[in-house]
Amino acid sequence: MTTLFRIDWKSLMALDRWIALIFLLICLVYGYIAFFSMDAALPPFMKRNPI
Protein backbone atom coordinates (compact mmCIF):
# COMPACT_ATOMS: atom_id res chain seq x y z
CA MET A 1 0.00 0.00 0.00
CA THR A 2 2.90 2.39 0.49
CA THR A 3 3.72 2.41 -3.23
CA LEU A 4 0.41 4.14 -3.97
CA PHE A 5 1.63 7.37 -2.40
CA ARG A 6 5.17 7.38 -3.74
CA ILE A 7 5.92 10.54 -5.74
CA ASP A 8 8.12 10.25 -8.79
CA TRP A 9 9.88 13.63 -8.69
CA LYS A 10 11.35 13.20 -12.17
CA SER A 11 7.91 13.19 -13.75
CA LEU A 12 6.82 16.41 -12.04
CA MET A 13 7.52 19.81 -13.56
CA ALA A 14 10.52 21.64 -12.20
CA LEU A 15 9.94 24.46 -9.75
CA ASP A 16 11.12 27.17 -12.13
CA ARG A 17 8.58 26.06 -14.71
CA TRP A 18 5.77 26.23 -12.15
CA ILE A 19 6.88 29.74 -11.23
CA ALA A 20 6.99 30.73 -14.90
CA LEU A 21 3.53 29.26 -15.50
CA ILE A 22 2.03 31.13 -12.55
CA PHE A 23 3.72 34.35 -13.68
CA LEU A 24 2.36 33.88 -17.20
CA LEU A 25 -1.16 33.33 -15.90
CA ILE A 26 -0.94 36.44 -13.73
CA CYS A 27 0.22 38.48 -16.73
CA LEU A 28 -2.60 37.17 -18.93
CA VAL A 29 -5.26 37.90 -16.31
CA TYR A 30 -3.83 41.39 -15.76
CA GLY A 31 -3.82 42.02 -19.50
CA TYR A 32 -7.45 41.05 -19.95
CA ILE A 33 -8.55 43.09 -16.93
CA ALA A 34 -6.58 46.13 -18.12
CA PHE A 35 -7.92 45.87 -21.69
CA PHE A 36 -11.58 45.65 -20.73
CA SER A 37 -11.36 48.29 -17.99
CA MET A 38 -9.63 50.73 -20.34
CA ASP A 39 -12.14 49.93 -23.08
CA ALA A 40 -15.02 50.72 -20.72
CA ALA A 41 -13.47 54.11 -19.88
CA LEU A 42 -13.23 55.22 -23.53
CA PRO A 43 -15.75 57.54 -25.14
CA PRO A 44 -18.47 55.70 -27.08
CA PHE A 45 -17.05 56.45 -30.55
CA MET A 46 -13.65 54.97 -29.60
CA LYS A 47 -14.85 51.70 -28.07
CA ARG A 48 -14.19 48.55 -30.01
CA ASN A 49 -16.92 48.28 -32.53
CA PRO A 50 -17.30 45.16 -34.69
CA ILE A 51 -17.94 45.99 -38.33
PDB file of N, CA and C in Angstrom:
ATOM      1  N   MET A   1       0.804  -1.203   0.000  1.00  0.00           N
ATOM      2  CA  MET A   1       0.000   0.000   0.000  1.00  0.00           C
ATOM      3  C   MET A   1       0.849   1.270   0.000  1.00  0.00           C
ATOM      4  N   THR A   2       2.089   1.182   0.434  1.00  0.00           N
ATOM      5  CA  THR A   2       2.905   2.390   0.492  1.00  0.00           C
ATOM      6  C   THR A   2       3.338   2.855  -0.890  1.00  0.00           C
ATOM      7  N   THR A   3       3.303   1.986  -1.894  1.00  0.00           N
ATOM      8  CA  THR A   3       3.715   2.408  -3.232  1.00  0.00           C
ATOM      9  C   THR A   3       2.659   3.265  -3.904  1.00  0.00           C
ATOM     10  N   LEU A   4       1.441   3.303  -3.375  1.00  0.00           N
ATOM     11  CA  LEU A   4       0.407   4.138  -3.973  1.00  0.00           C
ATOM     12  C   LEU A   4       0.702   5.627  -3.791  1.00  0.00           C
ATOM     13  N   PHE A   5       1.395   5.970  -2.717  1.00  0.00           N
ATOM     14  CA  PHE A   5       1.625   7.367  -2.405  1.00  0.00           C
ATOM     15  C   PHE A   5       3.049   7.815  -2.690  1.00  0.00           C
ATOM     16  N   ARG A   6       3.806   7.012  -3.390  1.00  0.00           N
ATOM     17  CA  ARG A   6       5.168   7.384  -3.743  1.00  0.00           C
ATOM     18  C   ARG A   6       5.116   8.414  -4.876  1.00  0.00           C
ATOM     19  N   ILE A   7       5.885   9.479  -4.740  1.00  0.00           N
ATOM     20  CA  ILE A   7       5.917  10.539  -5.744  1.00  0.00           C
ATOM     21  C   ILE A   7       7.171  10.375  -6.580  1.00  0.00           C
ATOM     22  N   ASP A   8       6.985  10.309  -7.878  1.00  0.00           N
ATOM     23  CA  ASP A   8       8.123  10.254  -8.788  1.00  0.00           C
ATOM     24  C   ASP A   8       8.492  11.689  -9.157  1.00  0.00           C
ATOM     25  N   TRP A   9       9.533  12.221  -8.531  1.00  0.00           N
ATOM     26  CA  TRP A   9       9.881  13.625  -8.690  1.00  0.00           C
ATOM     27  C   TRP A   9      10.372  13.940 -10.096  1.00  0.00           C
ATOM     28  N   LYS A  10      10.860  12.950 -10.814  1.00  0.00           N
ATOM     29  CA  LYS A  10      11.348  13.201 -12.165  1.00  0.00           C
ATOM     30  C   LYS A  10      10.203  13.489 -13.131  1.00  0.00           C
ATOM     31  N   SER A  11       9.027  12.972 -12.842  1.00  0.00           N
ATOM     32  CA  SER A  11       7.909  13.189 -13.750  1.00  0.00           C
ATOM     33  C   SER A  11       7.185  14.502 -13.488  1.00  0.00           C
ATOM     34  N   LEU A  12       7.454  15.129 -12.335  1.00  0.00           N
ATOM     35  CA  LEU A  12       6.825  16.408 -12.044  1.00  0.00           C
ATOM     36  C   LEU A  12       7.581  17.532 -12.742  1.00  0.00           C
ATOM     37  N   MET A  13       6.856  18.651 -12.969  1.00  0.00           N
ATOM     38  CA  MET A  13       7.520  19.812 -13.565  1.00  0.00           C
ATOM     39  C   MET A  13       8.488  20.406 -12.556  1.00  0.00           C
ATOM     40  N   ALA A  14       9.539  20.996 -13.065  1.00  0.00           N
ATOM     41  CA  ALA A  14      10.519  21.640 -12.204  1.00  0.00           C
ATOM     42  C   ALA A  14       9.916  22.898 -11.587  1.00  0.00           C
ATOM     43  N   LEU A  15      10.477  23.319 -10.475  1.00  0.00           N
ATOM     44  CA  LEU A  15       9.938  24.460  -9.747  1.00  0.00           C
ATOM     45  C   LEU A  15       9.977  25.743 -10.572  1.00  0.00           C
ATOM     46  N   ASP A  16      11.031  25.949 -11.337  1.00  0.00           N
ATOM     47  CA  ASP A  16      11.123  27.174 -12.134  1.00  0.00           C
ATOM     48  C   ASP A  16      10.044  27.217 -13.216  1.00  0.00           C
ATOM     49  N   ARG A  17       9.642  26.065 -13.716  1.00  0.00           N
ATOM     50  CA  ARG A  17       8.577  26.056 -14.713  1.00  0.00           C
ATOM     51  C   ARG A  17       7.224  26.346 -14.090  1.00  0.00           C
ATOM     52  N   TRP A  18       7.009  25.891 -12.862  1.00  0.00           N
ATOM     53  CA  TRP A  18       5.770  26.229 -12.147  1.00  0.00           C
ATOM     54  C   TRP A  18       5.704  27.724 -11.900  1.00  0.00           C
ATOM     55  N   ILE A  19       6.840  28.303 -11.481  1.00  0.00           N
ATOM     56  CA  ILE A  19       6.877  29.741 -11.230  1.00  0.00           C
ATOM     57  C   ILE A  19       6.623  30.510 -12.523  1.00  0.00           C
ATOM     58  N   ALA A  20       7.208  30.066 -13.613  1.00  0.00           N
ATOM     59  CA  ALA A  20       6.990  30.728 -14.899  1.00  0.00           C
ATOM     60  C   ALA A  20       5.541  30.599 -15.348  1.00  0.00           C
ATOM     61  N   LEU A  21       4.920  29.457 -15.125  1.00  0.00           N
ATOM     62  CA  LEU A  21       3.527  29.260 -15.504  1.00  0.00           C
ATOM     63  C   LEU A  21       2.604  30.166 -14.690  1.00  0.00           C
ATOM     64  N   ILE A  22       2.842  30.256 -13.399  1.00  0.00           N
ATOM     65  CA  ILE A  22       2.028  31.130 -12.549  1.00  0.00           C
ATOM     66  C   ILE A  22       2.216  32.587 -12.960  1.00  0.00           C
ATOM     67  N   PHE A  23       3.461  32.988 -13.240  1.00  0.00           N
ATOM     68  CA  PHE A  23       3.724  34.352 -13.678  1.00  0.00           C
ATOM     69  C   PHE A  23       3.026  34.650 -15.001  1.00  0.00           C
ATOM     70  N   LEU A  24       3.038  33.706 -15.921  1.00  0.00           N
ATOM     71  CA  LEU A  24       2.363  33.885 -17.205  1.00  0.00           C
ATOM     72  C   LEU A  24       0.864  34.033 -17.025  1.00  0.00           C
ATOM     73  N   LEU A  25       0.271  33.227 -16.155  1.00  0.00           N
ATOM     74  CA  LEU A  25      -1.165  33.331 -15.904  1.00  0.00           C
ATOM     75  C   LEU A  25      -1.525  34.669 -15.269  1.00  0.00           C
ATOM     76  N   ILE A  26      -0.699  35.136 -14.341  1.00  0.00           N
ATOM     77  CA  ILE A  26      -0.944  36.443 -13.728  1.00  0.00           C
ATOM     78  C   ILE A  26      -0.879  37.545 -14.784  1.00  0.00           C
ATOM     79  N   CYS A  27       0.103  37.467 -15.677  1.00  0.00           N
ATOM     80  CA  CYS A  27       0.223  38.477 -16.731  1.00  0.00           C
ATOM     81  C   CYS A  27      -0.968  38.449 -17.676  1.00  0.00           C
ATOM     82  N   LEU A  28      -1.446  37.264 -18.039  1.00  0.00           N
ATOM     83  CA  LEU A  28      -2.595  37.169 -18.927  1.00  0.00           C
ATOM     84  C   LEU A  28      -3.856  37.730 -18.283  1.00  0.00           C
ATOM     85  N   VAL A  29      -4.078  37.390 -17.019  1.00  0.00           N
ATOM     86  CA  VAL A  29      -5.260  37.903 -16.313  1.00  0.00           C
ATOM     87  C   VAL A  29      -5.183  39.417 -16.195  1.00  0.00           C
ATOM     88  N   TYR A  30      -4.007  39.938 -15.861  1.00  0.00           N
ATOM     89  CA  TYR A  30      -3.832  41.385 -15.757  1.00  0.00           C
ATOM     90  C   TYR A  30      -4.083  42.053 -17.109  1.00  0.00           C
ATOM     91  N   GLY A  31      -3.618  41.453 -18.174  1.00  0.00           N
ATOM     92  CA  GLY A  31      -3.817  42.023 -19.504  1.00  0.00           C
ATOM     93  C   GLY A  31      -5.282  42.093 -19.886  1.00  0.00           C
ATOM     94  N   TYR A  32      -6.032  41.028 -19.632  1.00  0.00           N
ATOM     95  CA  TYR A  32      -7.454  41.047 -19.952  1.00  0.00           C
ATOM     96  C   TYR A  32      -8.203  42.058 -19.097  1.00  0.00           C
ATOM     97  N   ILE A  33      -7.883  42.125 -17.811  1.00  0.00           N
ATOM     98  CA  ILE A  33      -8.547  43.093 -16.934  1.00  0.00           C
ATOM     99  C   ILE A  33      -8.233  44.518 -17.383  1.00  0.00           C
ATOM    100  N   ALA A  34      -6.972  44.793 -17.692  1.00  0.00           N
ATOM    101  CA  ALA A  34      -6.580  46.132 -18.120  1.00  0.00           C
ATOM    102  C   ALA A  34      -7.248  46.502 -19.439  1.00  0.00           C
ATOM    103  N   PHE A  35      -7.318  45.569 -20.382  1.00  0.00           N
ATOM    104  CA  PHE A  35      -7.920  45.868 -21.686  1.00  0.00           C
ATOM    105  C   PHE A  35      -9.392  46.220 -21.544  1.00  0.00           C
ATOM    106  N   PHE A  36     -10.145  45.407 -20.810  1.00  0.00           N
ATOM    107  CA  PHE A  36     -11.579  45.646 -20.725  1.00  0.00           C
ATOM    108  C   PHE A  36     -11.905  46.835 -19.831  1.00  0.00           C
ATOM    109  N   SER A  37     -11.088  47.112 -18.814  1.00  0.00           N
ATOM    110  CA  SER A  37     -11.359  48.288 -17.990  1.00  0.00           C
ATOM    111  C   SER A  37     -11.015  49.573 -18.741  1.00  0.00           C
ATOM    112  N   MET A  38      -9.951  49.546 -19.537  1.00  0.00           N
ATOM    113  CA  MET A  38      -9.626  50.727 -20.339  1.00  0.00           C
ATOM    114  C   MET A  38     -10.653  50.917 -21.445  1.00  0.00           C
ATOM    115  N   ASP A  39     -11.145  49.826 -22.017  1.00  0.00           N
ATOM    116  CA  ASP A  39     -12.136  49.925 -23.076  1.00  0.00           C
ATOM    117  C   ASP A  39     -13.441  50.508 -22.537  1.00  0.00           C
ATOM    118  N   ALA A  40     -13.789  50.195 -21.308  1.00  0.00           N
ATOM    119  CA  ALA A  40     -15.018  50.720 -20.717  1.00  0.00           C
ATOM    120  C   ALA A  40     -14.887  52.208 -20.417  1.00  0.00           C
ATOM    121  N   ALA A  41     -13.675  52.705 -20.216  1.00  0.00           N
ATOM    122  CA  ALA A  41     -13.469  54.114 -19.883  1.00  0.00           C
ATOM    123  C   ALA A  41     -13.384  55.010 -21.117  1.00  0.00           C
ATOM    124  N   LEU A  42     -13.339  54.419 -22.306  1.00  0.00           N
ATOM    125  CA  LEU A  42     -13.227  55.221 -23.528  1.00  0.00           C
ATOM    126  C   LEU A  42     -14.556  55.879 -23.875  1.00  0.00           C
ATOM    127  N   PRO A  43     -14.503  56.961 -24.632  1.00  0.00           N
ATOM    128  CA  PRO A  43     -15.749  57.539 -25.138  1.00  0.00           C
ATOM    129  C   PRO A  43     -16.427  56.551 -26.097  1.00  0.00           C
ATOM    130  N   PRO A  44     -17.736  56.692 -26.291  1.00  0.00           N
ATOM    131  CA  PRO A  44     -18.466  55.696 -27.085  1.00  0.00           C
ATOM    132  C   PRO A  44     -17.947  55.518 -28.516  1.00  0.00           C
ATOM    133  N   PHE A  45     -17.474  56.593 -29.154  1.00  0.00           N
ATOM    134  CA  PHE A  45     -17.050  56.453 -30.548  1.00  0.00           C
ATOM    135  C   PHE A  45     -15.681  55.756 -30.665  1.00  0.00           C
ATOM    136  N   MET A  46     -14.965  55.621 -29.561  1.00  0.00           N
ATOM    137  CA  MET A  46     -13.648  54.973 -29.596  1.00  0.00           C
ATOM    138  C   MET A  46     -13.666  53.522 -29.100  1.00  0.00           C
ATOM    139  N   LYS A  47     -14.781  53.079 -28.559  1.00  0.00           N
ATOM    140  CA  LYS A  47     -14.847  51.705 -28.065  1.00  0.00           C
ATOM    141  C   LYS A  47     -14.750  50.734 -29.234  1.00  0.00           C
ATOM    142  N   ARG A  48     -14.301  49.517 -28.920  1.00  0.00           N
ATOM    143  CA  ARG A  48     -14.190  48.554 -30.014  1.00  0.00           C
ATOM    144  C   ARG A  48     -15.577  48.279 -30.566  1.00  0.00           C
ATOM    145  N   ASN A  49     -15.643  48.339 -31.847  1.00  0.00           N
ATOM    146  CA  ASN A  49     -16.925  48.277 -32.530  1.00  0.00           C
ATOM    147  C   ASN A  49     -16.799  47.294 -33.692  1.00  0.00           C
ATOM    148  N   PRO A  50     -17.398  46.122 -33.577  1.00  0.00           N
ATOM    149  CA  PRO A  50     -17.299  45.165 -34.693  1.00  0.00           C
ATOM    150  C   PRO A  50     -18.010  45.681 -35.932  1.00  0.00           C
ATOM    151  N   ILE A  51     -17.384  45.471 -37.059  1.00  0.00           N
ATOM    152  CA  ILE A  51     -17.943  45.987 -38.326  1.00  0.00           C
ATOM    153  C   ILE A  51     -18.952  45.000 -38.872  1.00  0.00           C
TER     154      ILE A  51
END
